[in-house]
Amino acid sequence: MQTETLARHEARAGATEELWDSFGDRLKDFVRKHARNDADVDDILQDVFVKVHRGVGTLRQQDRLVPWLFQIARNTITDHYRRQSKLADGLEEDVPEMAAERSR
């Protein structure tokens, strides 16, 4: 049983590496167009490939691979900035001076 799980993990890791080799540059260019800075590009791209790695076994239609990858990238960009916005809002609540500056 454990050998089967290890084999599936290795197959998924190989698939993720192959996807990175094939689409990494295109995805990075796409993320760069929508990100605010290089650090965000790296963070978002890492999150994209974690999601791809976890979901690569669920893709049923191989002809939908490219749209699937870019949809994950779009959603990850949105999630990244949504999380940052919530964090900033939380900080403002903790620091009254920040909230006062924002309301000016």
PDB file of N, CA and C in Angstrom:
ATOM      1  N   MET A   1       0.825  -1.197   0.000  1.00  0.00           N
ATOM      2  CA  MET A   1       0.000   0.000   0.000  1.00  0.00           C
ATOM      3  C   MET A   1       0.867   1.260   0.000  1.00  0.00           C
ATOM      4  N   GLN A   2       1.870   1.310   0.864  1.00  0.00           N
ATOM      5  CA  GLN A   2       2.738   2.467   0.961  1.00  0.00           C
ATOM      6  C   GLN A   2       3.548   2.650  -0.325  1.00  0.00           C
ATOM      7  N   THR A   3       3.944   1.550  -0.960  1.00  0.00           N
ATOM      8  CA  THR A   3       4.688   1.608  -2.211  1.00  0.00           C
ATOM      9  C   THR A   3       3.829   2.229  -3.303  1.00  0.00           C
ATOM     10  N   GLU A   4       2.533   1.879  -3.332  1.00  0.00           N
ATOM     11  CA  GLU A   4       1.614   2.437  -4.316  1.00  0.00           C
ATOM     12  C   GLU A   4       1.468   3.945  -4.118  1.00  0.00           C
ATOM     13  N   THR A   5       1.356   4.400  -2.877  1.00  0.00           N
ATOM     14  CA  THR A   5       1.240   5.827  -2.578  1.00  0.00           C
ATOM     15  C   THR A   5       2.497   6.559  -3.007  1.00  0.00           C
ATOM     16  N   LEU A   6       3.648   5.994  -2.734  1.00  0.00           N
ATOM     17  CA  LEU A   6       4.916   6.586  -3.130  1.00  0.00           C
ATOM     18  C   LEU A   6       5.013   6.670  -4.653  1.00  0.00           C
ATOM     19  N   ALA A   7       4.589   5.644  -5.344  1.00  0.00           N
ATOM     20  CA  ALA A   7       4.634   5.639  -6.810  1.00  0.00           C
ATOM     21  C   ALA A   7       3.725   6.725  -7.378  1.00  0.00           C
ATOM     22  N   ARG A   8       2.530   6.897  -6.798  1.00  0.00           N
ATOM     23  CA  ARG A   8       1.622   7.952  -7.262  1.00  0.00           C
ATOM     24  C   ARG A   8       2.224   9.326  -7.010  1.00  0.00           C
ATOM     25  N   HIS A   9       2.839   9.507  -5.857  1.00  0.00           N
ATOM     26  CA  HIS A   9       3.477  10.789  -5.533  1.00  0.00           C
ATOM     27  C   HIS A   9       4.608  11.088  -6.522  1.00  0.00           C
ATOM     28  N   GLU A  10       5.426  10.093  -6.807  1.00  0.00           N
ATOM     29  CA  GLU A  10       6.526  10.290  -7.744  1.00  0.00           C
ATOM     30  C   GLU A  10       6.017  10.598  -9.144  1.00  0.00           C
ATOM     31  N   ALA A  11       4.928   9.952  -9.553  1.00  0.00           N
ATOM     32  CA  ALA A  11       4.341  10.217 -10.871  1.00  0.00           C
ATOM     33  C   ALA A  11       3.801  11.640 -10.930  1.00  0.00           C
ATOM     34  N   ARG A  12       3.146  12.067  -9.853  1.00  0.00           N
ATOM     35  CA  ARG A  12       2.600  13.423  -9.802  1.00  0.00           C
ATOM     36  C   ARG A  12       3.736  14.445  -9.802  1.00  0.00           C
ATOM     37  N   ALA A  13       4.794  14.165  -9.069  1.00  0.00           N
ATOM     38  CA  ALA A  13       5.944  15.079  -9.039  1.00  0.00           C
ATOM     39  C   ALA A  13       6.570  15.175 -10.423  1.00  0.00           C
ATOM     40  N   GLY A  14       6.659  14.069 -11.123  1.00  0.00           N
ATOM     41  CA  GLY A  14       7.201  14.084 -12.479  1.00  0.00           C
ATOM     42  C   GLY A  14       6.321  14.884 -13.420  1.00  0.00           C
ATOM     43  N   ALA A  15       5.015  14.743 -13.266  1.00  0.00           N
ATOM     44  CA  ALA A  15       4.076  15.503 -14.103  1.00  0.00           C
ATOM     45  C   ALA A  15       4.198  16.994 -13.813  1.00  0.00           C
ATOM     46  N   THR A  16       4.327  17.360 -12.546  1.00  0.00           N
ATOM     47  CA  THR A  16       4.469  18.767 -12.182  1.00  0.00           C
ATOM     48  C   THR A  16       5.755  19.337 -12.754  1.00  0.00           C
ATOM     49  N   GLU A  17       6.825  18.586 -12.668  1.00  0.00           N
ATOM     50  CA  GLU A  17       8.105  19.047 -13.216  1.00  0.00           C
ATOM     51  C   GLU A  17       8.007  19.228 -14.729  1.00  0.00           C
ATOM     52  N   GLU A  18       7.346  18.315 -15.394  1.00  0.00           N
ATOM     53  CA  GLU A  18       7.165  18.421 -16.846  1.00  0.00           C
ATOM     54  C   GLU A  18       6.334  19.658 -17.198  1.00  0.00           C
ATOM     55  N   LEU A  19       5.290  19.913 -16.416  1.00  0.00           N
ATOM     56  CA  LEU A  19       4.475  21.108 -16.647  1.00  0.00           C
ATOM     57  C   LEU A  19       5.288  22.376 -16.416  1.00  0.00           C
ATOM     58  N   TRP A  20       6.101  22.372 -15.377  1.00  0.00           N
ATOM     59  CA  TRP A  20       6.957  23.532 -15.097  1.00  0.00           C
ATOM     60  C   TRP A  20       7.903  23.774 -16.265  1.00  0.00           C
ATOM     61  N   ASP A  21       8.527  22.701 -16.759  1.00  0.00           N
ATOM     62  CA  ASP A  21       9.457  22.842 -17.881  1.00  0.00           C
ATOM     63  C   ASP A  21       8.747  23.372 -19.125  1.00  0.00           C
ATOM     64  N   SER A  22       7.521  22.931 -19.344  1.00  0.00           N
ATOM     65  CA  SER A  22       6.787  23.315 -20.553  1.00  0.00           C
ATOM     66  C   SER A  22       6.115  24.679 -20.454  1.00  0.00           C
ATOM     67  N   PHE A  23       5.602  25.021 -19.274  1.00  0.00           N
ATOM     68  CA  PHE A  23       4.761  26.208 -19.150  1.00  0.00           C
ATOM     69  C   PHE A  23       5.238  27.238 -18.133  1.00  0.00           C
ATOM     70  N   GLY A  24       6.318  26.958 -17.428  1.00  0.00           N
ATOM     71  CA  GLY A  24       6.788  27.854 -16.378  1.00  0.00           C
ATOM     72  C   GLY A  24       7.041  29.273 -16.857  1.00  0.00           C
ATOM     73  N   ASP A  25       7.715  29.412 -17.988  1.00  0.00           N
ATOM     74  CA  ASP A  25       8.024  30.756 -18.501  1.00  0.00           C
ATOM     75  C   ASP A  25       6.763  31.499 -18.923  1.00  0.00           C
ATOM     76  N   ARG A  26       5.850  30.806 -19.591  1.00  0.00           N
ATOM     77  CA  ARG A  26       4.596  31.446 -20.011  1.00  0.00           C
ATOM     78  C   ARG A  26       3.764  31.874 -18.809  1.00  0.00           C
ATOM     79  N   LEU A  27       3.703  31.012 -17.805  1.00  0.00           N
ATOM     80  CA  LEU A  27       2.936  31.362 -16.608  1.00  0.00           C
ATOM     81  C   LEU A  27       3.595  32.516 -15.861  1.00  0.00           C
ATOM     82  N   LYS A  28       4.924  32.516 -15.806  1.00  0.00           N
ATOM     83  CA  LYS A  28       5.621  33.605 -15.124  1.00  0.00           C
ATOM     84  C   LYS A  28       5.362  34.929 -15.839  1.00  0.00           C
ATOM     85  N   ASP A  29       5.392  34.931 -17.163  1.00  0.00           N
ATOM     86  CA  ASP A  29       5.087  36.147 -17.922  1.00  0.00           C
ATOM     87  C   ASP A  29       3.661  36.615 -17.655  1.00  0.00           C
ATOM     88  N   PHE A  30       2.738  35.663 -17.604  1.00  0.00           N
ATOM     89  CA  PHE A  30       1.337  35.997 -17.336  1.00  0.00           C
ATOM     90  C   PHE A  30       1.188  36.612 -15.944  1.00  0.00           C
ATOM     91  N   VAL A  31       1.784  35.977 -14.952  1.00  0.00           N
ATOM     92  CA  VAL A  31       1.691  36.475 -13.576  1.00  0.00           C
ATOM     93  C   VAL A  31       2.360  37.841 -13.475  1.00  0.00           C
ATOM     94  N   ARG A  32       3.499  38.014 -14.129  1.00  0.00           N
ATOM     95  CA  ARG A  32       4.229  39.285 -14.086  1.00  0.00           C
ATOM     96  C   ARG A  32       3.361  40.438 -14.599  1.00  0.00           C
ATOM     97  N   LYS A  33       2.530  40.190 -15.607  1.00  0.00           N
ATOM     98  CA  LYS A  33       1.648  41.227 -16.156  1.00  0.00           C
ATOM     99  C   LYS A  33       0.606  41.689 -15.145  1.00  0.00           C
ATOM    100  N   HIS A  34       0.278  40.828 -14.189  1.00  0.00           N
ATOM    101  CA  HIS A  34      -0.796  41.127 -13.251  1.00  0.00           C
ATOM    102  C   HIS A  34      -0.318  41.382 -11.827  1.00  0.00           C
ATOM    103  N   ALA A  35       0.950  41.155 -11.566  1.00  0.00           N
ATOM    104  CA  ALA A  35       1.485  41.319 -10.211  1.00  0.00           C
ATOM    105  C   ALA A  35       2.056  42.716 -10.030  1.00  0.00           C
ATOM    106  N   ARG A  36       2.148  43.135  -8.794  1.00  0.00           N
ATOM    107  CA  ARG A  36       2.622  44.485  -8.468  1.00  0.00           C
ATOM    108  C   ARG A  36       4.136  44.588  -8.389  1.00  0.00           C
ATOM    109  N   ASN A  37       4.803  43.465  -8.088  1.00  0.00           N
ATOM    110  CA  ASN A  37       6.264  43.503  -7.970  1.00  0.00           C
ATOM    111  C   ASN A  37       6.836  42.094  -8.135  1.00  0.00           C
ATOM    112  N   ASP A  38       8.157  42.012  -8.244  1.00  0.00           N
ATOM    113  CA  ASP A  38       8.809  40.723  -8.491  1.00  0.00           C
ATOM    114  C   ASP A  38       8.622  39.733  -7.346  1.00  0.00           C
ATOM    115  N   ALA A  39       8.590  40.222  -6.115  1.00  0.00           N
ATOM    116  CA  ALA A  39       8.379  39.325  -4.976  1.00  0.00           C
ATOM    117  C   ALA A  39       7.001  38.675  -5.064  1.00  0.00           C
ATOM    118  N   ASP A  40       5.996  39.463  -5.467  1.00  0.00           N
ATOM    119  CA  ASP A  40       4.647  38.904  -5.636  1.00  0.00           C
ATOM    120  C   ASP A  40       4.629  37.872  -6.759  1.00  0.00           C
ATOM    121  N   VAL A  41       5.364  38.135  -7.829  1.00  0.00           N
ATOM    122  CA  VAL A  41       5.433  37.176  -8.945  1.00  0.00           C
ATOM    123  C   VAL A  41       5.922  35.835  -8.424  1.00  0.00           C
ATOM    124  N   ASP A  42       7.008  35.853  -7.665  1.00  0.00           N
ATOM    125  CA  ASP A  42       7.573  34.606  -7.136  1.00  0.00           C
ATOM    126  C   ASP A  42       6.609  33.903  -6.192  1.00  0.00           C
ATOM    127  N   ASP A  43       5.983  34.656  -5.290  1.00  0.00           N
ATOM    128  CA  ASP A  43       5.032  34.062  -4.343  1.00  0.00           C
ATOM    129  C   ASP A  43       3.839  33.448  -5.062  1.00  0.00           C
ATOM    130  N   ILE A  44       3.294  34.196  -5.998  1.00  0.00           N
ATOM    131  CA  ILE A  44       2.113  33.725  -6.728  1.00  0.00           C
ATOM    132  C   ILE A  44       2.458  32.496  -7.559  1.00  0.00           C
ATOM    133  N   LEU A  45       3.579  32.538  -8.258  1.00  0.00           N
ATOM    134  CA  LEU A  45       3.969  31.410  -9.098  1.00  0.00           C
ATOM    135  C   LEU A  45       4.191  30.147  -8.270  1.00  0.00           C
ATOM    136  N   GLN A  46       4.765  30.311  -7.108  1.00  0.00           N
ATOM    137  CA  GLN A  46       4.952  29.158  -6.224  1.00  0.00           C
ATOM    138  C   GLN A  46       3.599  28.584  -5.821  1.00  0.00           C
ATOM    139  N   ASP A  47       2.661  29.450  -5.453  1.00  0.00           N
ATOM    140  CA  ASP A  47       1.319  28.983  -5.094  1.00  0.00           C
ATOM    141  C   ASP A  47       0.629  28.293  -6.266  1.00  0.00           C
ATOM    142  N   VAL A  48       0.828  28.828  -7.472  1.00  0.00           N
ATOM    143  CA  VAL A  48       0.236  28.213  -8.668  1.00  0.00           C
ATOM    144  C   VAL A  48       0.729  26.781  -8.810  1.00  0.00           C
ATOM    145  N   PHE A  49       2.021  26.580  -8.682  1.00  0.00           N
ATOM    146  CA  PHE A  49       2.539  25.239  -8.909  1.00  0.00           C
ATOM    147  C   PHE A  49       2.246  24.282  -7.762  1.00  0.00           C
ATOM    148  N   VAL A  50       2.038  24.776  -6.576  1.00  0.00           N
ATOM    149  CA  VAL A  50       1.554  23.905  -5.495  1.00  0.00           C
ATOM    150  C   VAL A  50       0.153  23.421  -5.846  1.00  0.00           C
ATOM    151  N   LYS A  51      -0.700  24.340  -6.310  1.00  0.00           N
ATOM    152  CA  LYS A  51      -2.068  23.965  -6.694  1.00  0.00           C
ATOM    153  C   LYS A  51      -2.070  23.025  -7.888  1.00  0.00           C
ATOM    154  N   VAL A  52      -1.208  23.279  -8.849  1.00  0.00           N
ATOM    155  CA  VAL A  52      -1.106  22.398 -10.015  1.00  0.00           C
ATOM    156  C   VAL A  52      -0.661  21.014  -9.566  1.00  0.00           C
ATOM    157  N   HIS A  53       0.336  20.962  -8.711  1.00  0.00           N
ATOM    158  CA  HIS A  53       0.848  19.672  -8.216  1.00  0.00           C
ATOM    159  C   HIS A  53      -0.257  18.876  -7.524  1.00  0.00           C
ATOM    160  N   ARG A  54      -1.035  19.562  -6.707  1.00  0.00           N
ATOM    161  CA  ARG A  54      -2.111  18.878  -5.985  1.00  0.00           C
ATOM    162  C   ARG A  54      -3.240  18.438  -6.903  1.00  0.00           C
ATOM    163  N   GLY A  55      -3.476  19.197  -7.970  1.00  0.00           N
ATOM    164  CA  GLY A  55      -4.628  18.916  -8.815  1.00  0.00           C
ATOM    165  C   GLY A  55      -4.340  18.224 -10.125  1.00  0.00           C
ATOM    166  N   VAL A  56      -3.073  17.986 -10.443  1.00  0.00           N
ATOM    167  CA  VAL A  56      -2.730  17.454 -11.758  1.00  0.00           C
ATOM    168  C   VAL A  56      -3.400  16.105 -12.026  1.00  0.00           C
ATOM    169  N   GLY A  57      -3.629  15.331 -11.012  1.00  0.00           N
ATOM    170  CA  GLY A  57      -4.271  14.033 -11.192  1.00  0.00           C
ATOM    171  C   GLY A  57      -5.770  14.126 -11.431  1.00  0.00           C
ATOM    172  N   THR A  58      -6.344  15.302 -11.222  1.00  0.00           N
ATOM    173  CA  THR A  58      -7.794  15.452 -11.390  1.00  0.00           C
ATOM    174  C   THR A  58      -8.187  15.954 -12.770  1.00  0.00           C
ATOM    175  N   LEU A  59      -7.228  16.375 -13.569  1.00  0.00           N
ATOM    176  CA  LEU A  59      -7.527  16.885 -14.905  1.00  0.00           C
ATOM    177  C   LEU A  59      -7.967  15.724 -15.788  1.00  0.00           C
ATOM    178  N   ARG A  60      -9.197  15.793 -16.258  1.00  0.00           N
ATOM    179  CA  ARG A  60      -9.760  14.686 -17.031  1.00  0.00           C
ATOM    180  C   ARG A  60      -9.584  14.868 -18.541  1.00  0.00           C
ATOM    181  N   GLN A  61      -9.618  16.098 -19.003  1.00  0.00           N
ATOM    182  CA  GLN A  61      -9.506  16.364 -20.437  1.00  0.00           C
ATOM    183  C   GLN A  61      -8.152  17.023 -20.710  1.00  0.00           C
ATOM    184  N   GLN A  62      -7.257  16.267 -21.296  1.00  0.00           N
ATOM    185  CA  GLN A  62      -5.909  16.778 -21.552  1.00  0.00           C
ATOM    186  C   GLN A  62      -5.907  17.987 -22.477  1.00  0.00           C
ATOM    187  N   ASP A  63      -6.913  18.101 -23.346  1.00  0.00           N
ATOM    188  CA  ASP A  63      -6.966  19.252 -24.241  1.00  0.00           C
ATOM    189  C   ASP A  63      -7.335  20.536 -23.500  1.00  0.00           C
ATOM    190  N   ARG A  64      -7.703  20.435 -22.239  1.00  0.00           N
ATOM    191  CA  ARG A  64      -8.033  21.592 -21.401  1.00  0.00           C
ATOM    192  C   ARG A  64      -6.878  21.982 -20.479  1.00  0.00           C
ATOM    193  N   LEU A  65      -5.713  21.378 -20.679  1.00  0.00           N
ATOM    194  CA  LEU A  65      -4.566  21.605 -19.795  1.00  0.00           C
ATOM    195  C   LEU A  65      -4.168  23.078 -19.727  1.00  0.00           C
ATOM    196  N   VAL A  66      -3.957  23.713 -20.870  1.00  0.00           N
ATOM    197  CA  VAL A  66      -3.493  25.105 -20.864  1.00  0.00           C
ATOM    198  C   VAL A  66      -4.525  26.034 -20.235  1.00  0.00           C
ATOM    199  N   PRO A  67      -5.808  25.956 -20.617  1.00  0.00           N
ATOM    200  CA  PRO A  67      -6.793  26.807 -19.929  1.00  0.00           C
ATOM    201  C   PRO A  67      -6.854  26.528 -18.431  1.00  0.00           C
ATOM    202  N   TRP A  68      -6.704  25.274 -18.046  1.00  0.00           N
ATOM    203  CA  TRP A  68      -6.728  24.897 -16.630  1.00  0.00           C
ATOM    204  C   TRP A  68      -5.569  25.564 -15.891  1.00  0.00           C
ATOM    205  N   LEU A  69      -4.371  25.513 -16.463  1.00  0.00           N
ATOM    206  CA  LEU A  69      -3.205  26.136 -15.834  1.00  0.00           C
ATOM    207  C   LEU A  69      -3.399  27.641 -15.656  1.00  0.00           C
ATOM    208  N   PHE A  70      -3.874  28.302 -16.704  1.00  0.00           N
ATOM    209  CA  PHE A  70      -4.020  29.755 -16.635  1.00  0.00           C
ATOM    210  C   PHE A  70      -5.193  30.166 -15.747  1.00  0.00           C
ATOM    211  N   GLN A  71      -6.207  29.328 -15.630  1.00  0.00           N
ATOM    212  CA  GLN A  71      -7.293  29.628 -14.694  1.00  0.00           C
ATOM    213  C   GLN A  71      -6.784  29.527 -13.255  1.00  0.00           C
ATOM    214  N   ILE A  72      -5.965  28.539 -12.993  1.00  0.00           N
ATOM    215  CA  ILE A  72      -5.346  28.437 -11.657  1.00  0.00           C
ATOM    216  C   ILE A  72      -4.511  29.683 -11.392  1.00  0.00           C
ATOM    217  N   ALA A  73      -3.752  30.128 -12.379  1.00  0.00           N
ATOM    218  CA  ALA A  73      -2.924  31.330 -12.205  1.00  0.00           C
ATOM    219  C   ALA A  73      -3.807  32.550 -11.935  1.00  0.00           C
ATOM    220  N   ARG A  74      -4.879  32.722 -12.715  1.00  0.00           N
ATOM    221  CA  ARG A  74      -5.791  33.864 -12.497  1.00  0.00           C
ATOM    222  C   ARG A  74      -6.366  33.850 -11.083  1.00  0.00           C
ATOM    223  N   ASN A  75      -6.863  32.697 -10.689  1.00  0.00           N
ATOM    224  CA  ASN A  75      -7.469  32.584  -9.357  1.00  0.00           C
ATOM    225  C   ASN A  75      -6.442  32.823  -8.251  1.00  0.00           C
ATOM    226  N   THR A  76      -5.232  32.367  -8.456  1.00  0.00           N
ATOM    227  CA  THR A  76      -4.182  32.532  -7.448  1.00  0.00           C
ATOM    228  C   THR A  76      -3.782  33.998  -7.320  1.00  0.00           C
ATOM    229  N   ILE A  77      -3.717  34.708  -8.437  1.00  0.00           N
ATOM    230  CA  ILE A  77      -3.424  36.149  -8.395  1.00  0.00           C
ATOM    231  C   ILE A  77      -4.507  36.865  -7.594  1.00  0.00           C
ATOM    232  N   THR A  78      -5.763  36.565  -7.895  1.00  0.00           N
ATOM    233  CA  THR A  78      -6.889  37.181  -7.180  1.00  0.00           C
ATOM    234  C   THR A  78      -6.820  36.865  -5.691  1.00  0.00           C
ATOM    235  N   ASP A  79      -6.595  35.601  -5.369  1.00  0.00           N
ATOM    236  CA  ASP A  79      -6.509  35.190  -3.962  1.00  0.00           C
ATOM    237  C   ASP A  79      -5.365  35.894  -3.240  1.00  0.00           C
ATOM    238  N   HIS A  80      -4.236  36.021  -3.911  1.00  0.00           N
ATOM    239  CA  HIS A  80      -3.060  36.654  -3.302  1.00  0.00           C
ATOM    240  C   HIS A  80      -3.372  38.084  -2.875  1.00  0.00           C
ATOM    241  N   TYR A  81      -3.958  38.854  -3.775  1.00  0.00           N
ATOM    242  CA  TYR A  81      -4.228  40.256  -3.455  1.00  0.00           C
ATOM    243  C   TYR A  81      -5.429  40.406  -2.528  1.00  0.00           C
ATOM    244  N   ARG A  82      -6.341  39.472  -2.569  1.00  0.00           N
ATOM    245  CA  ARG A  82      -7.458  39.492  -1.619  1.00  0.00           C
ATOM    246  C   ARG A  82      -6.928  39.260  -0.199  1.00  0.00           C
ATOM    247  N   ARG A  83      -6.007  38.308  -0.053  1.00  0.00           N
ATOM    248  CA  ARG A  83      -5.399  38.047   1.262  1.00  0.00           C
ATOM    249  C   ARG A  83      -4.632  39.266   1.756  1.00  0.00           C
ATOM    250  N   GLN A  84      -3.886  39.911   0.866  1.00  0.00           N
ATOM    251  CA  GLN A  84      -3.131  41.101   1.259  1.00  0.00           C
ATOM    252  C   GLN A  84      -4.074  42.213   1.703  1.00  0.00           C
ATOM    253  N   SER A  85      -5.180  42.368   1.005  1.00  0.00           N
ATOM    254  CA  SER A  85      -6.149  43.404   1.351  1.00  0.00           C
ATOM    255  C   SER A  85      -6.746  43.138   2.730  1.00  0.00           C
ATOM    256  N   LYS A  86      -7.102  41.897   2.992  1.00  0.00           N
ATOM    257  CA  LYS A  86      -7.658  41.548   4.306  1.00  0.00           C
ATOM    258  C   LYS A  86      -6.633  41.766   5.406  1.00  0.00           C
ATOM    259  N   LEU A  87      -5.371  41.442   5.115  1.00  0.00           N
ATOM    260  CA  LEU A  87      -4.310  41.662   6.097  1.00  0.00           C
ATOM    261  C   LEU A  87      -4.164  43.144   6.380  1.00  0.00           C
ATOM    262  N   ALA A  88      -4.163  43.961   5.337  1.00  0.00           N
ATOM    263  CA  ALA A  88      -4.030  45.415   5.514  1.00  0.00           C
ATOM    264  C   ALA A  88      -5.222  45.965   6.300  1.00  0.00           C
ATOM    265  N   ASP A  89      -6.425  45.489   6.002  1.00  0.00           N
ATOM    266  CA  ASP A  89      -7.600  45.937   6.741  1.00  0.00           C
ATOM    267  C   ASP A  89      -7.489  45.558   8.212  1.00  0.00           C
ATOM    268  N   GLY A  90      -6.988  44.365   8.482  1.00  0.00           N
ATOM    269  CA  GLY A  90      -6.813  43.931   9.858  1.00  0.00           C
ATOM    270  C   GLY A  90      -5.789  44.766  10.592  1.00  0.00           C
ATOM    271  N   LEU A  91      -4.722  45.153   9.906  1.00  0.00           N
ATOM    272  CA  LEU A  91      -3.705  46.002  10.523  1.00  0.00           C
ATOM    273  C   LEU A  91      -4.277  47.379  10.843  1.00  0.00           C
ATOM    274  N   GLU A  92      -5.091  47.903   9.950  1.00  0.00           N
ATOM    275  CA  GLU A  92      -5.686  49.215  10.189  1.00  0.00           C
ATOM    276  C   GLU A  92      -6.578  49.198  11.424  1.00  0.00           C
ATOM    277  N   GLU A  93      -7.284  48.103  11.622  1.00  0.00           N
ATOM    278  CA  GLU A  93      -8.132  48.006  12.801  1.00  0.00           C
ATOM    279  C   GLU A  93      -7.293  47.976  14.071  1.00  0.00           C
ATOM    280  N   ASP A  94      -6.107  47.367  13.981  1.00  0.00           N
ATOM    281  CA  ASP A  94      -5.219  47.269  15.138  1.00  0.00           C
ATOM    282  C   ASP A  94      -4.464  48.568  15.398  1.00  0.00           C
ATOM    283  N   VAL A  95      -4.257  49.374  14.352  1.00  0.00           N
ATOM    284  CA  VAL A  95      -3.492  50.610  14.478  1.00  0.00           C
ATOM    285  C   VAL A  95      -4.394  51.777  14.069  1.00  0.00           C
ATOM    286  N   PRO A  96      -5.000  52.462  15.031  1.00  0.00           N
ATOM    287  CA  PRO A  96      -5.966  53.519  14.718  1.00  0.00           C
ATOM    288  C   PRO A  96      -5.411  54.616  13.812  1.00  0.00           C
ATOM    289  N   GLU A  97      -4.117  54.922  13.922  1.00  0.00           N
ATOM    290  CA  GLU A  97      -3.543  55.967  13.082  1.00  0.00           C
ATOM    291  C   GLU A  97      -3.640  55.613  11.595  1.00  0.00           C
ATOM    292  N   MET A  98      -3.503  54.346  11.271  1.00  0.00           N
ATOM    293  CA  MET A  98      -3.593  53.917   9.870  1.00  0.00           C
ATOM    294  C   MET A  98      -5.004  54.111   9.345  1.00  0.00           C
ATOM    295  N   ALA A  99      -5.982  53.783  10.140  1.00  0.00           N
ATOM    296  CA  ALA A  99      -7.377  53.965   9.740  1.00  0.00           C
ATOM    297  C   ALA A  99      -7.698  55.438   9.549  1.00  0.00           C
ATOM    298  N   ALA A 100      -7.152  56.288  10.429  1.00  0.00           N
ATOM    299  CA  ALA A 100      -7.394  57.722  10.321  1.00  0.00           C
ATOM    300  C   ALA A 100      -6.772  58.287   9.049  1.00  0.00           C
ATOM    301  N   GLU A 101      -5.560  57.838   8.702  1.00  0.00           N
ATOM    302  CA  GLU A 101      -4.896  58.296   7.474  1.00  0.00           C
ATOM    303  C   GLU A 101      -5.664  57.877   6.240  1.00  0.00           C
ATOM    304  N   ARG A 102      -6.200  56.678   6.258  1.00  0.00           N
ATOM    305  CA  ARG A 102      -6.926  56.171   5.111  1.00  0.00           C
ATOM    306  C   ARG A 102      -8.225  56.927   4.872  1.00  0.00           C
ATOM    307  N   SER A 103      -8.834  57.408   5.930  1.00  0.00           N
ATOM    308  CA  SER A 103     -10.124  58.089   5.789  1.00  0.00           C
ATOM    309  C   SER A 103      -9.971  59.543   5.334  1.00  0.00           C
ATOM    310  N   ARG A 104      -8.750  60.059   5.280  1.00  0.00           N
ATOM    311  CA  ARG A 104      -8.515  61.445   4.848  1.00  0.00           C
ATOM    312  C   ARG A 104      -8.695  61.626   3.389  1.00  0.00           C
TER     313      ARG A 104
END
